[in-house]
Amino acid sequence: MNRLTLPRPRSILLLALAAVLLSLLVLLARPAKTEAAIVNLAYNRPVTVSSTESSAYAGAYAVDANGNTRWSSAYSDQQYIIVDLGTARPLTGVKLRWEAAYAKGFQIQTSNDNSTWTTVYSNYNGVGGVNDISFTATVRYVKMYAFQRATAYGYSLYEFEIYGDNGQGGGGSEPVSAVKQRILSYLNNLGGKTIVGIENKFNNTPRSDSDRVAGIAGRTPSLWGGDFGFGSLALDNRWNMIQEAKNQFNKGALVTLMYHPCAPTRDEYCSWDEIGGANPAKLTSAQFTQLTTPGTSLYNSWIGRLDTLATYLQDLENNNVVVLFRPLHEMNQCVFWWSCHKGSNGSAKLYQITYDYLTHTKGLENLIWVWNVQDFSNLSTEISAYNPGSSYFDIASLDVYNTGYTQNNYNTMLQASGGKPIAIGECQFMPSASLLASQNKWIYAMLWPDFIEENRSTLPGIYGASNVLTLDEMPGWR
């Protein structure tokens, strides 16, 4: 009779390892489970409301990802706000962020034709605050219908958020509009902390100033600044700057871009002397009226400039990079050709044209708009002449070179911002940590690189302060 031959211990171990490897191969061969990216689909979507308390509380303010603005209805029951998602989308729920004037009784309704509505949620004893409401539906329109007020006022929502599949599917990149919304929400909820950074002056070395500050401060700036610029050095290296913007954004830094443009009466190869130096170019009132009048040669020249910028900005959008865009900066600084023109065809109008063209005509969705003025002694009395309107900016910023970080300047910016965030667009001297503690609404402060040495002794203390955020403390945007 043949004897049964048992495997040796080493053979048993090899067989066990082979079984484990086989199991791993089977798992890896299975299709990866895809998960939809759930985002707030209501952000900046078209809104219809039953009424508004005033133009200061329009329906669009309930979908702007800004916790300081709100929609407020007339002082009566039976009011509604409807968000059009553009197409039927798979939804998982909504979030209502009520102001003090909340609804005791309300419903969430959905529709695909804006006519026949289905009630997916009812609340007859609302208590305000933040309401997280879960449901599933694939629809185009979502309505919050309020039928009983909790106060003598109307109904008021800081935000009407609608959550669902972003349409990208598993493995797809997050839409840039959702990234922008996330950044805006982050900036609106910094809790008194300030982001700090530096402008990088030369496009051929677009991180040299950031590296220099990091070497002095011992920590890396959380905000990186670049400039489309003027002259051959800037223009020939714009793509170099754009690539660095991508690098910085992917590291988690905020990216801000500005534009020192040559006058539209000539090409872009001017010198600093013609912009803000010894012999700056000027436009007469008649020329500025032409500049802001569609169809004129000066208007067309400016639109051509914007078409050029849009090429770079679109590339950033294609790579999901969101930009804090600060065009026509220091609109009350009379040395610049674009500034100090008041009236209906003045500097504010040129800013509006720039915004409308890049946002609506070119369709760019990755821009956070930064409106900017300088700290002159007449700031509080003149700022309104340069304000393009709150619908044209996301952040109001002040350049600090003249009168400094006074309480009056701070209060003026808070008032002019209309509840939106305020920032220090650029400065000669960085604010101290103690000043930022007392003026804790400044969301970021950017040093101008010509003054790095003047700030050398204070940078380590500022960058190490508990109320200042450096790159290692940023959340990252991917």
Protein backbone atom coordinates (compact mmCIF):
# COMPACT_ATOMS: atom_id res chain seq x y z
CA MET A 1 0.00 0.00 0.00
CA ASN A 2 1.31 3.43 -0.93
CA ARG A 3 1.93 5.85 1.90
CA LEU A 4 0.22 9.29 1.86
CA THR A 5 2.93 11.95 1.40
CA LEU A 6 2.22 15.03 3.54
CA PRO A 7 3.49 18.46 2.43
CA ARG A 8 6.42 19.82 4.37
CA PRO A 9 5.85 22.92 6.64
CA ARG A 10 7.63 25.19 4.12
CA SER A 11 5.32 23.98 1.35
CA ILE A 12 2.29 24.79 3.52
CA LEU A 13 3.54 28.36 4.01
CA LEU A 14 4.08 28.84 0.29
CA LEU A 15 0.59 27.55 -0.48
CA ALA A 16 -0.90 29.97 2.06
CA LEU A 17 0.97 32.91 0.56
CA ALA A 18 -0.17 31.93 -2.91
CA ALA A 19 -3.79 31.89 -1.71
CA VAL A 20 -3.46 35.38 -0.23
CA LEU A 21 -1.91 36.72 -3.43
CA LEU A 22 -4.68 35.14 -5.49
CA SER A 23 -7.32 36.81 -3.30
CA LEU A 24 -5.62 40.20 -3.73
CA LEU A 25 -5.51 39.79 -7.48
CA VAL A 26 -9.23 38.99 -7.54
CA LEU A 27 -10.00 42.13 -5.50
CA LEU A 28 -7.83 44.31 -7.75
CA ALA A 29 -9.51 42.92 -10.84
CA ARG A 30 -12.94 44.04 -9.65
CA PRO A 31 -14.16 47.38 -10.99
CA ALA A 32 -13.51 50.20 -8.55
CA LYS A 33 -16.58 51.37 -6.72
CA THR A 34 -17.50 54.83 -7.97
CA GLU A 35 -18.92 57.44 -5.66
CA ALA A 36 -20.58 60.62 -6.81
CA ALA A 37 -19.11 63.88 -5.56
CA ILE A 38 -21.81 65.52 -3.44
CA VAL A 39 -21.65 69.31 -3.65
CA ASN A 40 -23.89 72.32 -3.15
CA LEU A 41 -25.60 72.56 -6.55
CA ALA A 42 -27.43 75.77 -5.65
CA TYR A 43 -24.31 77.94 -5.69
CA ASN A 44 -24.90 80.98 -7.96
CA ARG A 45 -27.84 79.29 -9.72
CA PRO A 46 -30.81 81.37 -10.95
CA VAL A 47 -33.33 82.13 -8.21
CA THR A 48 -37.00 83.13 -8.23
CA VAL A 49 -38.62 84.53 -5.09
CA SER A 50 -42.16 85.50 -4.19
CA SER A 51 -40.99 88.87 -2.82
CA THR A 52 -38.07 90.75 -1.29
CA GLU A 53 -37.93 93.10 1.64
CA SER A 54 -35.68 95.36 -0.47
CA SER A 55 -33.01 95.14 -3.18
CA ALA A 56 -30.42 94.74 -0.41
CA TYR A 57 -31.91 91.31 0.38
CA ALA A 58 -32.40 89.83 -3.10
CA GLY A 59 -32.92 86.12 -3.65
CA ALA A 60 -29.47 85.69 -5.20
CA TYR A 61 -27.94 86.37 -1.79
CA ALA A 62 -29.29 83.04 -0.53
CA VAL A 63 -27.12 81.09 -2.99
CA ASP A 64 -23.86 83.09 -2.93
CA ALA A 65 -22.00 81.03 -0.28
CA ASN A 66 -21.67 84.16 1.84
CA GLY A 67 -22.84 83.83 5.40
CA ASN A 68 -23.09 87.62 5.75
CA THR A 69 -25.68 88.20 3.00
CA ARG A 70 -29.27 86.97 2.89
CA TRP A 71 -32.63 86.87 1.14
CA SER A 72 -35.47 88.44 3.07
CA SER A 73 -39.12 88.36 2.01
CA ALA A 74 -41.98 90.77 2.53
CA TYR A 75 -43.61 90.75 5.98
CA SER A 76 -46.37 88.26 5.20
CA ASP A 77 -47.00 84.51 5.12
CA GLN A 78 -46.96 82.25 2.06
CA GLN A 79 -43.59 83.15 0.55
CA TYR A 80 -41.16 81.04 -1.46
CA ILE A 81 -37.71 80.82 -2.99
CA ILE A 82 -37.08 78.58 -6.02
CA VAL A 83 -33.66 77.49 -7.32
CA ASP A 84 -33.25 76.35 -10.93
CA LEU A 85 -30.49 73.73 -11.17
CA GLY A 86 -30.50 73.95 -14.98
CA THR A 87 -31.21 70.26 -15.52
CA ALA A 88 -32.60 67.38 -13.47
CA ARG A 89 -29.96 66.36 -10.92
CA PRO A 90 -29.87 63.50 -8.37
CA LEU A 91 -30.32 65.15 -4.98
CA THR A 92 -29.61 64.00 -1.44
CA GLY A 93 -31.10 66.88 0.53
CA VAL A 94 -31.02 70.58 1.37
CA LYS A 95 -29.63 72.79 4.12
CA LEU A 96 -31.41 75.95 5.31
CA ARG A 97 -29.42 78.56 7.20
CA TRP A 98 -32.00 80.87 8.77
CA GLU A 99 -31.54 84.43 9.96
CA ALA A 100 -33.51 85.46 13.06
CA ALA A 101 -36.65 85.81 10.92
CA TYR A 102 -37.27 82.12 10.35
CA ALA A 103 -40.25 79.99 9.37
CA LYS A 104 -42.28 78.09 11.93
CA GLY A 105 -44.07 76.28 9.13
CA PHE A 106 -42.46 75.43 5.80
CA GLN A 107 -42.07 72.75 3.13
CA ILE A 108 -39.44 71.64 0.65
CA GLN A 109 -40.95 70.97 -2.77
CA THR A 110 -39.44 69.67 -6.01
CA SER A 111 -40.41 69.89 -9.67
CA ASN A 112 -39.14 69.22 -13.16
CA ASP A 113 -41.35 71.76 -14.95
CA ASN A 114 -41.61 74.59 -12.38
CA SER A 115 -45.37 74.03 -12.38
CA THR A 116 -46.26 70.68 -10.80
CA TRP A 117 -44.68 70.35 -7.36
CA THR A 118 -44.04 67.40 -5.06
CA THR A 119 -43.66 67.98 -1.32
CA VAL A 120 -40.67 66.00 -0.01
CA TYR A 121 -40.52 67.52 3.47
CA SER A 122 -42.84 69.40 5.84
CA ASN A 123 -42.15 71.09 9.17
CA TYR A 124 -44.98 72.60 11.23
CA ASN A 125 -42.89 73.51 14.27
CA GLY A 126 -39.66 75.02 12.93
CA VAL A 127 -37.15 76.52 15.36
CA GLY A 128 -34.79 78.29 12.92
CA GLY A 129 -31.03 77.91 13.04
CA VAL A 130 -29.59 75.42 10.57
CA ASN A 131 -31.89 72.75 9.14
CA ASP A 132 -30.32 69.67 7.51
CA ILE A 133 -33.03 67.93 5.49
CA SER A 134 -32.40 64.62 3.72
CA PHE A 135 -34.40 63.24 0.81
CA THR A 136 -33.73 61.66 -2.59
CA ALA A 137 -35.07 62.95 -5.89
CA THR A 138 -33.88 63.63 -9.42
CA VAL A 139 -35.26 67.07 -10.26
CA ARG A 140 -34.44 70.44 -11.78
CA TYR A 141 -36.28 72.87 -9.46
CA VAL A 142 -36.26 73.02 -5.67
CA LYS A 143 -38.55 75.29 -3.65
CA MET A 144 -38.64 76.34 -0.03
CA TYR A 145 -42.30 77.25 0.57
CA ALA A 146 -42.95 79.03 3.89
CA PHE A 147 -46.51 79.37 5.16
CA GLN A 148 -46.18 80.45 8.82
CA ARG A 149 -43.79 83.06 10.20
CA ALA A 150 -42.11 82.75 13.57
CA THR A 151 -41.70 86.52 13.94
CA ALA A 152 -43.45 89.70 12.90
CA TYR A 153 -40.97 90.05 10.02
CA GLY A 154 -40.82 88.05 6.81
CA TYR A 155 -38.67 84.99 6.09
CA SER A 156 -34.92 85.38 5.87
CA LEU A 157 -32.32 82.85 4.70
CA TYR A 158 -28.57 83.33 4.80
CA GLU A 159 -28.18 80.29 2.55
CA PHE A 160 -30.39 77.83 0.70
CA GLU A 161 -28.02 74.94 -0.08
CA ILE A 162 -29.07 72.03 -2.28
CA TYR A 163 -26.88 68.94 -2.24
CA GLY A 164 -26.50 66.27 -4.88
CA ASP A 165 -24.34 64.59 -7.50
CA ASN A 166 -22.08 67.05 -9.30
CA GLY A 167 -22.41 65.03 -12.49
CA GLN A 168 -18.74 64.08 -12.66
CA GLY A 169 -19.17 60.51 -11.44
CA GLY A 170 -16.55 58.46 -9.67
CA GLY A 171 -13.01 59.52 -10.41
CA GLY A 172 -14.13 62.76 -12.07
CA SER A 173 -12.66 66.05 -10.99
CA GLU A 174 -14.74 68.40 -8.87
CA PRO A 175 -16.30 71.24 -10.90
CA VAL A 176 -14.38 74.46 -10.54
CA SER A 177 -17.57 76.22 -9.42
CA ALA A 178 -17.71 73.86 -6.43
CA VAL A 179 -14.06 74.54 -5.60
CA LYS A 180 -14.76 78.28 -5.78
CA GLN A 181 -17.74 77.88 -3.49
CA ARG A 182 -15.66 75.91 -1.00
CA ILE A 183 -12.99 78.61 -0.94
CA LEU A 184 -15.57 81.38 -0.50
CA SER A 185 -17.16 79.46 2.36
CA TYR A 186 -13.74 78.99 3.93
CA LEU A 187 -12.93 82.71 3.65
CA ASN A 188 -16.28 83.63 5.16
CA ASN A 189 -15.63 81.44 8.18
CA LEU A 190 -12.01 82.09 9.16
CA GLY A 191 -13.01 82.88 12.72
CA GLY A 192 -10.84 85.96 13.10
CA LYS A 193 -7.70 84.48 11.56
CA THR A 194 -5.75 86.10 8.73
CA ILE A 195 -3.99 84.55 5.72
CA VAL A 196 -0.62 86.13 4.90
CA GLY A 197 1.42 86.33 1.73
CA ILE A 198 3.55 88.23 -0.74
CA GLU A 199 3.29 89.52 -4.30
CA ASN A 200 5.83 87.94 -6.66
CA LYS A 201 6.97 90.79 -8.86
CA PHE A 202 8.74 89.13 -11.77
CA ASN A 203 7.10 86.52 -14.00
CA ASN A 204 10.42 84.97 -14.97
CA THR A 205 11.00 84.07 -11.29
CA PRO A 206 7.42 83.77 -10.04
CA ARG A 207 8.16 82.31 -6.61
CA SER A 208 11.36 84.13 -5.67
CA ASP A 209 9.65 86.64 -3.39
CA SER A 210 7.61 83.92 -1.67
CA ASP A 211 10.80 81.90 -1.09
CA ARG A 212 12.56 84.96 0.27
CA VAL A 213 9.81 85.67 2.79
CA ALA A 214 9.69 82.01 3.82
CA GLY A 215 13.43 82.13 4.50
CA ILE A 216 13.04 85.18 6.72
CA ALA A 217 9.83 84.19 8.52
CA GLY A 218 10.67 80.52 8.94
CA ARG A 219 7.22 79.59 7.63
CA THR A 220 5.74 79.57 4.12
CA PRO A 221 3.25 82.23 2.96
CA SER A 222 -0.31 80.99 2.59
CA LEU A 223 -1.10 83.50 -0.16
CA TRP A 224 0.79 83.77 -3.45
CA GLY A 225 0.45 86.83 -5.67
CA GLY A 226 1.22 87.28 -9.36
CA ASP A 227 0.74 90.00 -11.99
CA PHE A 228 -0.13 89.75 -15.70
CA GLY A 229 1.96 92.87 -15.99
CA PHE A 230 3.30 95.02 -18.80
CA GLY A 231 6.38 95.09 -21.00
CA SER A 232 8.31 92.24 -22.60
CA LEU A 233 9.59 90.61 -19.39
CA ALA A 234 6.10 90.18 -17.97
CA LEU A 235 4.36 89.31 -21.24
CA ASP A 236 6.99 86.80 -22.39
CA ASN A 237 6.77 84.95 -19.07
CA ARG A 238 3.02 84.94 -18.45
CA TRP A 239 2.75 81.18 -18.96
CA ASN A 240 5.58 80.74 -16.48
CA MET A 241 3.54 82.70 -13.94
CA ILE A 242 0.41 80.67 -14.72
CA GLN A 243 2.27 77.41 -14.09
CA GLU A 244 3.43 78.70 -10.71
CA ALA A 245 -0.15 79.69 -9.90
CA LYS A 246 -1.13 76.04 -10.48
CA ASN A 247 1.74 74.82 -8.31
CA GLN A 248 0.85 77.15 -5.46
CA PHE A 249 -2.85 76.34 -5.60
CA ASN A 250 -2.18 72.60 -5.56
CA LYS A 251 -0.06 73.11 -2.43
CA GLY A 252 -3.04 74.71 -0.72
CA ALA A 253 -2.14 78.39 -1.08
CA LEU A 254 -4.61 81.07 -2.08
CA VAL A 255 -3.74 82.47 -5.50
CA THR A 256 -4.28 86.14 -6.28
CA LEU A 257 -3.62 87.75 -9.67
CA MET A 258 -3.60 91.43 -10.56
CA TYR A 259 -3.02 93.38 -13.78
CA HIS A 260 -0.95 96.52 -14.30
CA PRO A 261 -2.20 97.38 -17.81
CA CYS A 262 -0.69 99.86 -20.23
CA ALA A 263 -3.13 102.53 -21.38
CA PRO A 264 -5.51 101.28 -24.11
CA THR A 265 -4.27 104.09 -26.36
CA ARG A 266 -1.17 101.98 -27.05
CA ASP A 267 0.08 98.36 -26.93
CA GLU A 268 1.07 96.36 -23.85
CA TYR A 269 4.82 96.95 -24.17
CA CYS A 270 4.95 100.10 -22.08
CA SER A 271 7.27 100.81 -19.15
CA TRP A 272 6.53 101.49 -15.49
CA ASP A 273 7.12 105.18 -16.11
CA GLU A 274 4.01 105.18 -18.32
CA ILE A 275 1.83 103.41 -15.72
CA GLY A 276 2.75 104.76 -12.31
CA GLY A 277 6.26 106.17 -12.64
CA ALA A 278 7.72 109.44 -13.85
CA ASN A 279 5.40 110.07 -16.81
CA PRO A 280 2.20 108.09 -16.34
CA ALA A 281 -0.26 107.99 -19.21
CA LYS A 282 -3.58 109.71 -18.67
CA LEU A 283 -6.96 109.48 -20.36
CA THR A 284 -9.14 112.53 -20.71
CA SER A 285 -12.75 112.40 -19.58
CA ALA A 286 -13.80 112.18 -23.22
CA GLN A 287 -11.44 109.26 -23.83
CA PHE A 288 -12.68 107.48 -20.71
CA THR A 289 -16.26 107.85 -21.94
CA GLN A 290 -15.18 106.26 -25.22
CA LEU A 291 -13.44 103.48 -23.28
CA THR A 292 -16.68 102.61 -21.48
CA THR A 293 -18.87 102.93 -24.61
CA PRO A 294 -19.33 99.70 -26.63
CA GLY A 295 -18.28 99.92 -30.25
CA THR A 296 -15.59 102.59 -29.89
CA SER A 297 -11.94 101.90 -30.71
CA LEU A 298 -10.86 102.32 -27.09
CA TYR A 299 -13.60 99.99 -25.85
CA ASN A 300 -12.58 97.37 -28.43
CA SER A 301 -8.95 97.76 -27.40
CA TRP A 302 -9.85 96.97 -23.78
CA ILE A 303 -11.97 93.99 -24.79
CA GLY A 304 -9.00 92.70 -26.78
CA ARG A 305 -6.89 92.89 -23.63
CA LEU A 306 -9.52 90.92 -21.75
CA ASP A 307 -9.61 88.29 -24.50
CA THR A 308 -5.87 87.81 -23.97
CA LEU A 309 -6.22 87.50 -20.19
CA ALA A 310 -9.12 85.09 -20.63
CA THR A 311 -6.82 82.63 -22.40
CA TYR A 312 -4.68 82.31 -19.28
CA LEU A 313 -7.61 82.39 -16.87
CA GLN A 314 -9.38 79.67 -18.87
CA ASP A 315 -6.30 77.47 -18.63
CA LEU A 316 -6.40 77.88 -14.87
CA GLU A 317 -10.11 77.01 -14.86
CA ASN A 318 -9.43 73.91 -16.97
CA ASN A 319 -7.04 72.84 -14.20
CA ASN A 320 -9.57 73.64 -11.44
CA VAL A 321 -7.52 76.56 -10.13
CA VAL A 322 -9.55 79.31 -8.47
CA VAL A 323 -8.09 82.84 -8.60
CA LEU A 324 -8.65 85.88 -6.42
CA PHE A 325 -8.69 88.37 -9.30
CA ARG A 326 -7.87 92.02 -8.53
CA PRO A 327 -8.12 94.07 -11.74
CA LEU A 328 -7.97 97.88 -11.89
CA HIS A 329 -6.51 98.04 -8.40
CA GLU A 330 -6.39 101.23 -6.32
CA MET A 331 -9.29 102.79 -8.15
CA ASN A 332 -8.86 106.03 -6.17
CA GLN A 333 -5.10 106.31 -6.87
CA CYS A 334 -4.95 109.14 -9.39
CA VAL A 335 -1.51 108.26 -10.74
CA PHE A 336 -3.01 105.36 -12.72
CA TRP A 337 -4.86 105.96 -15.99
CA TRP A 338 -7.79 103.71 -14.97
CA SER A 339 -8.35 105.44 -11.64
CA CYS A 340 -9.95 108.63 -10.31
CA HIS A 341 -12.63 108.81 -12.99
CA LYS A 342 -15.96 109.35 -11.27
CA GLY A 343 -19.48 109.37 -12.63
CA SER A 344 -21.58 106.95 -14.64
CA ASN A 345 -18.82 106.35 -17.23
CA GLY A 346 -15.93 106.33 -14.77
CA SER A 347 -13.60 103.83 -13.16
CA ALA A 348 -16.41 101.82 -11.55
CA LYS A 349 -18.03 101.40 -14.96
CA LEU A 350 -14.79 100.04 -16.44
CA TYR A 351 -14.61 97.54 -13.58
CA GLN A 352 -18.21 96.47 -14.29
CA ILE A 353 -17.41 96.03 -17.98
CA THR A 354 -14.40 93.89 -17.06
CA TYR A 355 -16.46 91.75 -14.71
CA ASP A 356 -19.37 91.32 -17.13
CA TYR A 357 -17.15 90.40 -20.06
CA LEU A 358 -15.03 87.81 -18.27
CA THR A 359 -17.92 86.37 -16.27
CA HIS A 360 -20.80 86.43 -18.73
CA THR A 361 -19.30 86.70 -22.21
CA LYS A 362 -16.24 84.50 -21.63
CA GLY A 363 -18.07 82.35 -19.07
CA LEU A 364 -15.22 82.06 -16.57
CA GLU A 365 -16.32 80.38 -13.33
CA ASN A 366 -13.04 80.28 -11.41
CA LEU A 367 -12.71 83.97 -10.46
CA ILE A 368 -13.25 85.39 -6.99
CA TRP A 369 -13.50 89.12 -7.68
CA VAL A 370 -11.53 91.51 -5.47
CA TRP A 371 -12.44 95.21 -5.62
CA ASN A 372 -9.63 97.46 -4.41
CA VAL A 373 -8.95 101.02 -3.19
CA GLN A 374 -6.08 102.77 -1.38
CA ASP A 375 -5.93 104.31 2.09
CA PHE A 376 -6.01 108.01 1.29
CA SER A 377 -7.23 110.53 3.88
CA ASN A 378 -10.46 111.06 1.91
CA LEU A 379 -11.24 107.32 1.77
CA SER A 380 -14.45 107.47 3.81
CA THR A 381 -15.92 110.33 1.75
CA GLU A 382 -14.78 109.19 -1.72
CA ILE A 383 -15.03 105.41 -1.62
CA SER A 384 -18.63 105.28 -2.82
CA ALA A 385 -17.63 107.00 -6.08
CA TYR A 386 -15.53 103.93 -6.99
CA ASN A 387 -17.77 101.17 -5.65
CA PRO A 388 -19.05 99.06 -8.59
CA GLY A 389 -21.82 97.54 -6.46
CA SER A 390 -21.80 94.50 -4.21
CA SER A 391 -22.93 92.17 -7.00
CA TYR A 392 -19.63 92.90 -8.78
CA PHE A 393 -17.20 91.73 -6.11
CA ASP A 394 -16.71 88.95 -3.60
CA ILE A 395 -14.05 90.69 -1.49
CA ALA A 396 -13.42 94.39 -0.80
CA SER A 397 -9.73 95.16 -0.27
CA LEU A 398 -7.63 98.11 0.87
CA ASP A 399 -4.04 98.88 -0.11
CA VAL A 400 -2.22 100.35 2.89
CA TYR A 401 0.53 102.86 2.11
CA ASN A 402 -0.71 106.26 3.21
CA THR A 403 -2.82 106.69 6.35
CA GLY A 404 -2.33 103.16 7.67
CA TYR A 405 -4.41 100.68 9.66
CA THR A 406 -6.66 103.25 11.30
CA GLN A 407 -9.98 102.32 12.84
CA ASN A 408 -11.66 104.71 10.43
CA ASN A 409 -10.16 102.92 7.42
CA TYR A 410 -11.21 99.56 8.87
CA ASN A 411 -14.77 100.74 9.53
CA THR A 412 -14.99 102.31 6.07
CA MET A 413 -14.07 99.03 4.41
CA LEU A 414 -16.54 97.08 6.54
CA GLN A 415 -19.30 99.47 5.53
CA ALA A 416 -18.34 99.55 1.83
CA SER A 417 -18.12 95.75 1.63
CA GLY A 418 -21.82 95.34 2.39
CA GLY A 419 -21.14 92.36 4.64
CA LYS A 420 -18.69 90.65 2.31
CA PRO A 421 -15.13 89.82 3.42
CA ILE A 422 -12.47 92.54 3.55
CA ALA A 423 -8.74 92.15 2.93
CA ILE A 424 -5.46 94.05 2.72
CA GLY A 425 -4.75 93.89 -1.00
CA GLU A 426 -1.13 95.01 -0.63
CA CYS A 427 0.87 96.97 1.90
CA GLN A 428 4.21 98.53 2.75
CA PHE A 429 4.21 97.27 6.34
CA MET A 430 2.50 94.09 7.46
CA PRO A 431 -0.06 94.53 10.26
CA SER A 432 1.02 93.19 13.63
CA ALA A 433 -0.67 90.18 15.21
CA SER A 434 -2.16 92.43 17.90
CA LEU A 435 -3.64 94.77 15.30
CA LEU A 436 -5.12 91.81 13.44
CA ALA A 437 -6.66 90.69 16.73
CA SER A 438 -8.40 94.04 17.16
CA GLN A 439 -9.32 94.32 13.46
CA ASN A 440 -10.13 90.66 13.02
CA LYS A 441 -12.19 90.88 9.83
CA TRP A 442 -9.15 91.21 7.53
CA ILE A 443 -9.13 87.80 5.83
CA TYR A 444 -5.71 88.21 4.23
CA ALA A 445 -2.79 90.64 4.07
CA MET A 446 -0.29 90.76 1.19
CA LEU A 447 3.07 92.48 1.47
CA TRP A 448 4.44 94.29 -1.60
CA PRO A 449 7.88 92.81 -2.41
CA ASP A 450 9.71 96.14 -2.61
CA PHE A 451 9.41 96.32 1.19
CA ILE A 452 10.55 92.88 2.32
CA GLU A 453 13.65 94.25 4.01
CA GLU A 454 11.66 96.89 5.91
CA ASN A 455 9.59 94.03 7.38
CA ARG A 456 12.46 91.61 8.03
CA SER A 457 12.47 92.02 11.81
CA THR A 458 8.71 91.62 12.24
CA LEU A 459 7.92 88.83 9.77
CA PRO A 460 8.91 85.88 12.06
CA GLY A 461 6.60 87.12 14.82
CA ILE A 462 3.69 87.79 12.47
CA TYR A 463 4.00 84.45 10.67
CA GLY A 464 4.24 82.61 13.98
CA ALA A 465 1.20 84.26 15.57
CA SER A 466 -1.76 82.10 16.56
CA ASN A 467 -4.23 84.31 14.66
CA VAL A 468 -2.22 84.15 11.41
CA LEU A 469 -2.42 81.23 8.97
CA THR A 470 0.65 80.03 7.08
CA LEU A 471 0.71 77.43 4.30
CA ASP A 472 1.11 74.47 6.65
CA GLU A 473 -2.14 75.51 8.34
CA MET A 474 -4.20 75.84 5.17
CA PRO A 475 -6.74 73.15 4.29
CA GLY A 476 -5.71 72.59 0.68
CA TRP A 477 -8.17 73.03 -2.16
CA ARG A 478 -8.12 69.63 -3.88
